[in-house]
Amino acid sequence: MNVGSSYKLICATIKVMTKGIIAVVLSLALVLAVFLGGSILLRNARASVAQNRGEAFVAKLYAEYQIMGKSCQGEDTDGDAYVSCDFRLKNPTDAERVVHLQCPTMWKAFLGNTCKESRLVLPQ
């Protein structure tokens, strides 16, 4: 075997290895993108379901109040299938209050569970 054919063999091997490395890197990037995208969609879905449950809860218990603002977390940090939601309410006399709720995520919401107030609200 001469030097020229050895050089060609080494170059061909390097090209094949480079293509393999690129394929592995692209595959890992695709898996990471799917995982992150799915995680973001799941958080948004959890927050949306909890917010809908929270609005229904507030409409029943605080019928005289109008919802001025609302915010629900998409992450269930303690694993109890509830997420934290805050609703800012205003009544006809312009008195405002904030209601802190724990509202069910997707699985508990399908079972018919409702929100629960998470912190004791003291009169101001």
N, C-alpha and C. Protein backbone atom coordinates (compact mmCIF):
# COMPACT_ATOMS: atom_id res chain seq x y z
N MET A 1 0.85 -1.16 0.00
CA MET A 1 0.00 0.00 0.00
C MET A 1 0.90 1.23 0.00
N ASN A 2 0.62 2.15 -0.89
CA ASN A 2 1.46 3.33 -0.94
C ASN A 2 0.86 4.47 -0.13
N VAL A 3 1.59 5.54 -0.01
CA VAL A 3 1.20 6.68 0.82
C VAL A 3 -0.05 7.35 0.26
N GLY A 4 -0.21 7.44 -1.03
CA GLY A 4 -1.36 8.08 -1.66
C GLY A 4 -2.67 7.37 -1.34
N SER A 5 -2.67 6.04 -1.40
CA SER A 5 -3.90 5.31 -1.10
C SER A 5 -4.22 5.35 0.40
N SER A 6 -3.20 5.37 1.26
CA SER A 6 -3.42 5.49 2.70
C SER A 6 -4.04 6.84 3.03
N TYR A 7 -3.55 7.89 2.37
CA TYR A 7 -4.08 9.23 2.59
C TYR A 7 -5.55 9.29 2.16
N LYS A 8 -5.88 8.69 1.03
CA LYS A 8 -7.26 8.69 0.55
C LYS A 8 -8.16 7.91 1.51
N LEU A 9 -7.67 6.80 2.03
CA LEU A 9 -8.44 6.00 2.97
C LEU A 9 -8.71 6.79 4.26
N ILE A 10 -7.71 7.50 4.75
CA ILE A 10 -7.87 8.31 5.96
C ILE A 10 -8.88 9.44 5.71
N CYS A 11 -8.78 10.09 4.57
CA CYS A 11 -9.71 11.18 4.25
C CYS A 11 -11.15 10.66 4.15
N ALA A 12 -11.34 9.52 3.54
CA ALA A 12 -12.68 8.94 3.42
C ALA A 12 -13.24 8.57 4.79
N THR A 13 -12.39 8.04 5.66
CA THR A 13 -12.82 7.69 7.01
C THR A 13 -13.22 8.93 7.79
N ILE A 14 -12.46 10.00 7.66
CA ILE A 14 -12.77 11.26 8.35
C ILE A 14 -14.10 11.82 7.86
N LYS A 15 -14.36 11.76 6.56
CA LYS A 15 -15.63 12.26 6.02
C LYS A 15 -16.81 11.48 6.58
N VAL A 16 -16.69 10.17 6.63
CA VAL A 16 -17.77 9.33 7.16
C VAL A 16 -18.00 9.64 8.64
N MET A 17 -16.91 9.77 9.41
CA MET A 17 -17.04 10.08 10.84
C MET A 17 -17.66 11.45 11.06
N THR A 18 -17.30 12.43 10.23
CA THR A 18 -17.85 13.77 10.35
C THR A 18 -19.36 13.75 10.09
N LYS A 19 -19.79 13.03 9.09
CA LYS A 19 -21.22 12.92 8.79
C LYS A 19 -21.96 12.25 9.94
N GLY A 20 -21.35 11.24 10.54
CA GLY A 20 -21.97 10.56 11.67
C GLY A 20 -22.10 11.47 12.89
N ILE A 21 -21.06 12.25 13.15
CA ILE A 21 -21.10 13.19 14.27
C ILE A 21 -22.17 14.25 14.05
N ILE A 22 -22.24 14.77 12.84
CA ILE A 22 -23.26 15.78 12.51
C ILE A 22 -24.66 15.18 12.69
N ALA A 23 -24.86 13.96 12.26
CA ALA A 23 -26.17 13.30 12.40
C ALA A 23 -26.53 13.13 13.88
N VAL A 24 -25.58 12.76 14.72
CA VAL A 24 -25.83 12.58 16.15
C VAL A 24 -26.17 13.92 16.79
N VAL A 25 -25.41 14.96 16.46
CA VAL A 25 -25.66 16.29 17.03
C VAL A 25 -27.03 16.81 16.62
N LEU A 26 -27.40 16.65 15.35
CA LEU A 26 -28.71 17.10 14.89
C LEU A 26 -29.83 16.30 15.55
N SER A 27 -29.62 15.02 15.75
CA SER A 27 -30.63 14.19 16.41
C SER A 27 -30.83 14.64 17.86
N LEU A 28 -29.74 14.91 18.56
CA LEU A 28 -29.84 15.39 19.94
C LEU A 28 -30.53 16.75 20.00
N ALA A 29 -30.23 17.62 19.06
CA ALA A 29 -30.87 18.93 19.03
C ALA A 29 -32.37 18.79 18.79
N LEU A 30 -32.77 17.88 17.94
CA LEU A 30 -34.19 17.65 17.66
C LEU A 30 -34.90 17.11 18.90
N VAL A 31 -34.29 16.16 19.59
CA VAL A 31 -34.89 15.60 20.80
C VAL A 31 -35.03 16.69 21.87
N LEU A 32 -34.02 17.52 22.03
CA LEU A 32 -34.07 18.61 23.00
C LEU A 32 -35.17 19.61 22.66
N ALA A 33 -35.30 19.95 21.38
CA ALA A 33 -36.34 20.89 20.95
C ALA A 33 -37.73 20.33 21.21
N VAL A 34 -37.94 19.05 20.92
CA VAL A 34 -39.25 18.43 21.17
C VAL A 34 -39.55 18.40 22.66
N PHE A 35 -38.56 18.07 23.47
CA PHE A 35 -38.76 18.03 24.92
C PHE A 35 -39.10 19.40 25.48
N LEU A 36 -38.34 20.42 25.10
CA LEU A 36 -38.60 21.77 25.59
C LEU A 36 -39.93 22.31 25.09
N GLY A 37 -40.24 22.08 23.83
CA GLY A 37 -41.52 22.54 23.28
C GLY A 37 -42.70 21.87 23.97
N GLY A 38 -42.59 20.57 24.21
CA GLY A 38 -43.65 19.86 24.91
C GLY A 38 -43.81 20.33 26.34
N SER A 39 -42.71 20.63 26.98
CA SER A 39 -42.74 21.12 28.36
C SER A 39 -43.44 22.48 28.44
N ILE A 40 -43.13 23.35 27.51
CA ILE A 40 -43.76 24.68 27.49
C ILE A 40 -45.25 24.55 27.20
N LEU A 41 -45.62 23.72 26.26
CA LEU A 41 -47.05 23.53 25.95
C LEU A 41 -47.80 22.94 27.13
N LEU A 42 -47.19 22.02 27.84
CA LEU A 42 -47.83 21.40 29.00
C LEU A 42 -48.05 22.43 30.11
N ARG A 43 -47.06 23.29 30.35
CA ARG A 43 -47.22 24.33 31.37
C ARG A 43 -48.36 25.29 31.00
N ASN A 44 -48.41 25.68 29.74
CA ASN A 44 -49.47 26.58 29.30
C ASN A 44 -50.84 25.92 29.42
N ALA A 45 -50.92 24.65 29.11
CA ALA A 45 -52.20 23.93 29.23
C ALA A 45 -52.62 23.84 30.68
N ARG A 46 -51.67 23.55 31.59
CA ARG A 46 -51.99 23.49 33.02
C ARG A 46 -52.51 24.83 33.52
N ALA A 47 -51.83 25.91 33.15
CA ALA A 47 -52.23 27.24 33.60
C ALA A 47 -53.60 27.61 33.05
N SER A 48 -53.86 27.24 31.81
CA SER A 48 -55.15 27.56 31.20
C SER A 48 -56.31 26.84 31.88
N VAL A 49 -56.14 25.55 32.14
CA VAL A 49 -57.18 24.78 32.82
C VAL A 49 -57.41 25.33 34.22
N ALA A 50 -56.34 25.61 34.94
CA ALA A 50 -56.46 26.15 36.29
C ALA A 50 -57.14 27.51 36.28
N GLN A 51 -56.81 28.33 35.31
CA GLN A 51 -57.42 29.66 35.22
C GLN A 51 -58.92 29.57 34.95
N ASN A 52 -59.32 28.66 34.08
CA ASN A 52 -60.75 28.47 33.82
C ASN A 52 -61.48 28.00 35.08
N ARG A 53 -60.87 27.08 35.82
CA ARG A 53 -61.47 26.61 37.07
C ARG A 53 -61.53 27.74 38.10
N GLY A 54 -60.50 28.55 38.14
CA GLY A 54 -60.45 29.67 39.06
C GLY A 54 -61.52 30.71 38.75
N GLU A 55 -61.73 31.00 37.49
CA GLU A 55 -62.77 31.95 37.11
C GLU A 55 -64.15 31.45 37.53
N ALA A 56 -64.40 30.16 37.35
CA ALA A 56 -65.69 29.59 37.76
C ALA A 56 -65.84 29.66 39.28
N PHE A 57 -64.77 29.38 40.01
CA PHE A 57 -64.80 29.43 41.47
C PHE A 57 -65.10 30.85 41.95
N VAL A 58 -64.42 31.83 41.38
CA VAL A 58 -64.62 33.23 41.77
C VAL A 58 -66.03 33.69 41.41
N ALA A 59 -66.54 33.27 40.26
CA ALA A 59 -67.89 33.67 39.85
C ALA A 59 -68.95 33.16 40.83
N LYS A 60 -68.71 31.98 41.40
CA LYS A 60 -69.67 31.42 42.37
C LYS A 60 -69.55 32.07 43.74
N LEU A 61 -68.34 32.19 44.25
CA LEU A 61 -68.15 32.65 45.62
C LEU A 61 -68.08 34.17 45.76
N TYR A 62 -67.70 34.84 44.73
CA TYR A 62 -67.57 36.29 44.77
C TYR A 62 -68.38 36.91 43.64
N ALA A 63 -69.64 36.59 43.58
CA ALA A 63 -70.51 37.02 42.47
C ALA A 63 -70.60 38.54 42.37
N GLU A 64 -70.52 39.24 43.49
CA GLU A 64 -70.66 40.70 43.46
C GLU A 64 -69.37 41.39 42.99
N TYR A 65 -68.30 40.64 42.84
CA TYR A 65 -67.01 41.21 42.43
C TYR A 65 -66.79 41.01 40.93
N GLN A 66 -65.98 41.91 40.38
CA GLN A 66 -65.57 41.81 38.98
C GLN A 66 -64.08 41.44 38.96
N ILE A 67 -63.70 40.55 38.09
CA ILE A 67 -62.28 40.15 37.99
C ILE A 67 -61.52 41.24 37.25
N MET A 68 -60.53 41.81 37.93
CA MET A 68 -59.71 42.86 37.33
C MET A 68 -58.39 42.31 36.79
N GLY A 69 -57.93 41.23 37.37
CA GLY A 69 -56.68 40.63 36.92
C GLY A 69 -56.59 39.19 37.41
N LYS A 70 -55.84 38.38 36.68
CA LYS A 70 -55.70 36.98 37.05
C LYS A 70 -54.36 36.47 36.58
N SER A 71 -53.83 35.54 37.34
CA SER A 71 -52.55 34.95 37.00
C SER A 71 -52.46 33.56 37.60
N CYS A 72 -52.15 32.57 36.77
CA CYS A 72 -51.98 31.19 37.24
C CYS A 72 -50.61 30.68 36.81
N GLN A 73 -49.98 29.96 37.71
CA GLN A 73 -48.69 29.35 37.42
C GLN A 73 -48.91 28.08 36.60
N GLY A 74 -47.98 27.75 35.74
CA GLY A 74 -48.08 26.54 34.96
C GLY A 74 -47.32 25.37 35.54
N GLU A 75 -46.62 25.61 36.63
CA GLU A 75 -45.77 24.57 37.22
C GLU A 75 -46.34 24.10 38.55
N ASP A 76 -46.56 22.81 38.66
CA ASP A 76 -47.03 22.20 39.90
C ASP A 76 -45.79 21.84 40.71
N THR A 77 -45.37 22.72 41.60
CA THR A 77 -44.08 22.55 42.28
C THR A 77 -44.08 21.50 43.36
N ASP A 78 -45.24 21.22 43.98
CA ASP A 78 -45.25 20.23 45.06
C ASP A 78 -45.88 18.89 44.65
N GLY A 79 -46.28 18.76 43.39
CA GLY A 79 -46.77 17.49 42.88
C GLY A 79 -48.16 17.08 43.35
N ASP A 80 -48.97 18.04 43.82
CA ASP A 80 -50.32 17.69 44.30
C ASP A 80 -51.40 17.89 43.24
N ALA A 81 -51.02 18.18 42.00
CA ALA A 81 -51.92 18.40 40.86
C ALA A 81 -52.73 19.69 40.99
N TYR A 82 -52.28 20.63 41.81
CA TYR A 82 -52.86 21.96 41.91
C TYR A 82 -51.78 22.99 41.63
N VAL A 83 -52.16 24.10 41.01
CA VAL A 83 -51.23 25.20 40.78
C VAL A 83 -51.78 26.46 41.44
N SER A 84 -50.90 27.40 41.72
CA SER A 84 -51.28 28.64 42.38
C SER A 84 -51.87 29.62 41.37
N CYS A 85 -52.98 30.25 41.78
CA CYS A 85 -53.63 31.28 40.98
C CYS A 85 -53.95 32.47 41.87
N ASP A 86 -53.79 33.65 41.35
CA ASP A 86 -54.16 34.87 42.06
C ASP A 86 -55.17 35.63 41.21
N PHE A 87 -56.26 36.06 41.85
CA PHE A 87 -57.29 36.83 41.18
C PHE A 87 -57.45 38.16 41.91
N ARG A 88 -57.35 39.26 41.18
CA ARG A 88 -57.59 40.58 41.74
C ARG A 88 -59.03 40.95 41.43
N LEU A 89 -59.80 41.25 42.46
CA LEU A 89 -61.24 41.48 42.33
C LEU A 89 -61.59 42.89 42.78
N LYS A 90 -62.69 43.40 42.24
CA LYS A 90 -63.18 44.72 42.59
C LYS A 90 -64.69 44.65 42.71
N ASN A 91 -65.25 45.18 43.81
CA ASN A 91 -66.70 45.15 43.96
C ASN A 91 -67.30 46.49 43.53
N PRO A 92 -68.63 46.62 43.51
CA PRO A 92 -69.26 47.86 43.03
C PRO A 92 -68.88 49.11 43.83
N THR A 93 -68.43 48.97 45.07
CA THR A 93 -68.01 50.14 45.86
C THR A 93 -66.53 50.45 45.67
N ASP A 94 -65.92 49.87 44.65
CA ASP A 94 -64.51 50.05 44.32
C ASP A 94 -63.53 49.49 45.35
N ALA A 95 -64.01 48.64 46.21
CA ALA A 95 -63.11 47.96 47.15
C ALA A 95 -62.46 46.79 46.42
N GLU A 96 -61.15 46.72 46.54
CA GLU A 96 -60.42 45.65 45.86
C GLU A 96 -59.92 44.62 46.85
N ARG A 97 -59.76 43.41 46.37
CA ARG A 97 -59.17 42.34 47.17
C ARG A 97 -58.48 41.37 46.23
N VAL A 98 -57.53 40.65 46.77
CA VAL A 98 -56.82 39.62 46.01
C VAL A 98 -57.16 38.28 46.64
N VAL A 99 -57.57 37.35 45.80
CA VAL A 99 -57.90 35.99 46.26
C VAL A 99 -56.80 35.06 45.76
N HIS A 100 -56.19 34.34 46.68
CA HIS A 100 -55.13 33.38 46.35
C HIS A 100 -55.76 31.99 46.35
N LEU A 101 -55.67 31.32 45.21
CA LEU A 101 -56.31 30.02 45.07
C LEU A 101 -55.29 28.95 44.71
N GLN A 102 -55.65 27.71 45.01
CA GLN A 102 -54.98 26.53 44.48
C GLN A 102 -56.00 25.88 43.57
N CYS A 103 -55.72 25.85 42.27
CA CYS A 103 -56.69 25.32 41.30
C CYS A 103 -56.14 24.05 40.66
N PRO A 104 -57.04 23.11 40.34
CA PRO A 104 -56.59 21.83 39.80
C PRO A 104 -56.02 21.95 38.39
N THR A 105 -55.06 21.09 38.12
CA THR A 105 -54.51 21.00 36.77
C THR A 105 -55.38 20.04 35.97
N MET A 106 -54.90 19.63 34.84
CA MET A 106 -55.72 18.88 33.90
C MET A 106 -56.37 17.64 34.49
N TRP A 107 -55.59 16.79 35.15
CA TRP A 107 -56.15 15.51 35.60
C TRP A 107 -57.18 15.69 36.70
N LYS A 108 -56.90 16.52 37.67
CA LYS A 108 -57.87 16.74 38.74
C LYS A 108 -59.08 17.51 38.23
N ALA A 109 -58.90 18.39 37.28
CA ALA A 109 -60.02 19.17 36.74
C ALA A 109 -61.02 18.25 36.04
N PHE A 110 -60.53 17.21 35.38
CA PHE A 110 -61.44 16.27 34.71
C PHE A 110 -62.21 15.43 35.71
N LEU A 111 -61.67 15.30 36.90
CA LEU A 111 -62.35 14.54 37.94
C LEU A 111 -63.41 15.37 38.67
N GLY A 112 -63.51 16.64 38.34
CA GLY A 112 -64.54 17.48 38.92
C GLY A 112 -64.09 18.27 40.13
N ASN A 113 -62.82 18.25 40.46
CA ASN A 113 -62.34 19.02 41.62
C ASN A 113 -62.39 20.50 41.31
N THR A 114 -62.52 21.29 42.35
CA THR A 114 -62.60 22.73 42.20
C THR A 114 -61.42 23.38 42.90
N CYS A 115 -61.34 24.68 42.80
CA CYS A 115 -60.26 25.42 43.45
C CYS A 115 -60.50 25.49 44.95
N LYS A 116 -59.43 25.84 45.66
CA LYS A 116 -59.54 26.07 47.10
C LYS A 116 -58.67 27.27 47.44
N GLU A 117 -59.17 28.05 48.40
CA GLU A 117 -58.38 29.22 48.81
C GLU A 117 -57.15 28.73 49.56
N SER A 118 -56.02 29.30 49.19
CA SER A 118 -54.77 28.77 49.72
C SER A 118 -54.22 29.56 50.89
N ARG A 119 -54.63 30.78 51.06
CA ARG A 119 -54.12 31.58 52.17
C ARG A 119 -55.29 32.28 52.86
N LEU A 120 -55.18 32.43 54.13
CA LEU A 120 -56.19 33.13 54.90
C LEU A 120 -56.13 34.61 54.55
N VAL A 121 -57.26 35.18 54.14
CA VAL A 121 -57.32 36.59 53.78
C VAL A 121 -57.89 37.35 54.97
N LEU A 122 -57.09 38.22 55.53
CA LEU A 122 -57.51 39.02 56.68
C LEU A 122 -58.13 40.32 56.22
N PRO A 123 -59.15 40.83 56.91
CA PRO A 123 -59.73 42.11 56.56
C PRO A 123 -58.69 43.22 56.70
N GLN A 124 -58.76 44.18 55.80
CA GLN A 124 -57.77 45.27 55.82
C GLN A 124 -58.39 46.54 56.35
